[in-house]
């Protein structure tokens, strides 16, 4: 249900750092800020693979598919991807800033969105 990823490239020196999340493969990129205690998600995408990179913070991710349930805890610097048809929910354990990347984008032709509730 989940794929643990690593950024394509990272570099740091006395000026700061750079993290390259992807060079190709994603059409929509969002920056999400969530407060500690907030819950987001509870949905799935029929078509999209969605990847996340946590800039700062910590969250608990719950996944459900075909009667199976998996839970993970992720924190600053972690990166992972969730495939299509996997219901995903986030509980933010700390104030969190993350990047979400969709391989196709959620806005579909005709104005529909690839965001579905179970």
Protein backbone atom coordinates (compact mmCIF):
# COMPACT_ATOMS: atom_id res chain seq x y z
CA UNK A 1 0.00 0.00 0.00
CA UNK A 2 2.97 2.31 0.52
CA UNK A 3 6.34 2.90 -1.09
CA UNK A 4 9.10 4.46 1.01
CA UNK A 5 11.00 6.97 -1.16
CA UNK A 6 14.16 9.02 -0.92
CA UNK A 7 14.63 12.43 -2.53
CA UNK A 8 16.47 12.32 -5.88
CA UNK A 9 19.29 14.50 -4.60
CA UNK A 10 20.27 16.51 -1.55
CA UNK A 11 23.11 18.89 -0.84
CA UNK A 12 24.12 21.04 2.10
CA UNK A 13 26.97 23.35 2.97
CA UNK A 14 27.52 26.38 5.19
CA UNK A 15 24.92 28.36 3.17
CA UNK A 16 22.08 25.91 3.82
CA UNK A 17 20.60 22.96 1.97
CA UNK A 18 18.76 21.87 -1.16
CA UNK A 19 16.53 18.81 -1.51
CA UNK A 20 15.36 17.73 -4.97
CA UNK A 21 12.18 15.69 -4.61
CA UNK A 22 11.68 14.71 -8.26
CA UNK A 23 12.94 15.53 -11.73
CA UNK A 24 9.94 14.08 -13.53
CA UNK A 25 6.78 12.07 -13.05
CA UNK A 26 4.52 14.52 -11.18
CA UNK A 27 2.01 17.01 -12.61
CA UNK A 28 0.58 18.63 -9.48
CA UNK A 29 2.55 19.77 -6.43
CA UNK A 30 0.98 21.13 -3.23
CA UNK A 31 2.47 22.56 -0.04
CA UNK A 32 0.38 21.66 3.02
CA UNK A 33 0.65 23.09 6.52
CA UNK A 34 -1.28 21.29 9.27
CA UNK A 35 -1.57 21.98 12.98
CA UNK A 36 -0.85 19.41 15.69
CA UNK A 37 -3.99 17.36 16.35
CA UNK A 38 -5.50 18.01 12.91
CA UNK A 39 -6.81 15.07 10.85
CA UNK A 40 -6.83 15.13 7.04
CA UNK A 41 -7.60 12.66 4.30
CA UNK A 42 -10.06 9.82 4.77
CA UNK A 43 -10.21 9.51 1.00
CA UNK A 44 -8.55 7.73 -1.92
CA UNK A 45 -7.63 8.49 -5.51
CA UNK A 46 -8.89 6.21 -8.27
CA UNK A 47 -6.15 7.27 -10.70
CA UNK A 48 -3.40 9.12 -8.86
CA UNK A 49 -0.25 7.99 -7.16
CA UNK A 50 0.47 10.57 -4.45
CA UNK A 51 3.88 11.16 -2.89
CA UNK A 52 4.67 13.17 0.24
CA UNK A 53 7.86 14.77 1.60
CA UNK A 54 7.81 16.07 5.16
CA UNK A 55 9.67 19.37 5.39
CA UNK A 56 9.15 19.57 9.14
CA UNK A 57 6.92 17.94 11.71
CA UNK A 58 5.57 14.48 12.46
CA UNK A 59 2.42 12.59 11.48
CA UNK A 60 0.71 9.25 11.74
CA UNK A 61 -0.52 7.75 8.48
CA UNK A 62 -3.29 5.13 8.38
CA UNK A 63 -3.85 3.18 5.16
CA UNK A 64 -6.75 0.88 4.25
CA UNK A 65 -7.30 -1.33 1.22
CA UNK A 66 -9.13 -4.62 0.65
CA UNK A 67 -9.83 -5.13 4.36
CA UNK A 68 -6.18 -4.53 5.35
CA UNK A 69 -5.01 -1.70 7.58
CA UNK A 70 -1.46 -0.37 8.01
CA UNK A 71 -0.18 2.47 10.23
CA UNK A 72 3.08 4.39 9.96
CA UNK A 73 4.70 7.32 11.72
CA UNK A 74 6.72 9.74 9.58
CA UNK A 75 8.79 12.79 10.50
CA UNK A 76 10.98 15.54 9.07
CA UNK A 77 12.89 14.35 5.99
CA UNK A 78 10.76 11.25 5.32
CA UNK A 79 9.29 10.66 1.87
CA UNK A 80 6.71 8.08 0.78
CA UNK A 81 4.16 7.35 -1.95
CA UNK A 82 0.63 5.97 -1.79
CA UNK A 83 -0.79 4.20 -4.82
CA UNK A 84 -4.26 4.52 -6.32
CA UNK A 85 -7.24 2.93 -4.53
CA UNK A 86 -5.64 3.19 -1.05
CA UNK A 87 -7.69 5.07 1.56
CA UNK A 88 -5.33 7.33 3.49
CA UNK A 89 -5.75 9.44 6.63
CA UNK A 90 -3.24 11.67 8.38
CA UNK A 91 -3.19 12.57 12.07
CA UNK A 92 -0.68 15.34 12.69
CA UNK A 93 1.31 14.74 15.87
CA UNK A 94 3.12 18.09 15.58
CA UNK A 95 2.66 21.22 13.50
CA UNK A 96 3.73 19.89 10.10
CA UNK A 97 4.77 21.33 6.75
CA UNK A 98 4.83 18.88 3.82
CA UNK A 99 4.84 18.70 0.05
CA UNK A 100 2.29 16.52 -1.76
CA UNK A 101 2.92 15.42 -5.37
CA UNK A 102 0.34 13.84 -7.69
CA UNK A 103 1.46 11.96 -10.79
CA UNK A 104 -1.65 12.92 -12.78
CA UNK A 105 -3.32 15.75 -10.83
CA UNK A 106 -6.70 15.63 -9.11
CA UNK A 107 -8.62 17.93 -11.48
CA UNK A 108 -10.09 15.73 -14.21
CA UNK A 109 -11.69 16.62 -17.54
CA UNK A 110 -15.26 17.78 -17.08
CA UNK A 111 -14.58 19.37 -13.70
CA UNK A 112 -14.59 16.17 -11.67
CA UNK A 113 -11.88 15.48 -9.08
CA UNK A 114 -9.98 12.28 -8.36
CA UNK A 115 -10.76 12.49 -4.64
CA UNK A 116 -13.19 9.80 -3.51
CA UNK A 117 -14.55 8.76 -0.11
CA UNK A 118 -15.05 5.11 0.78
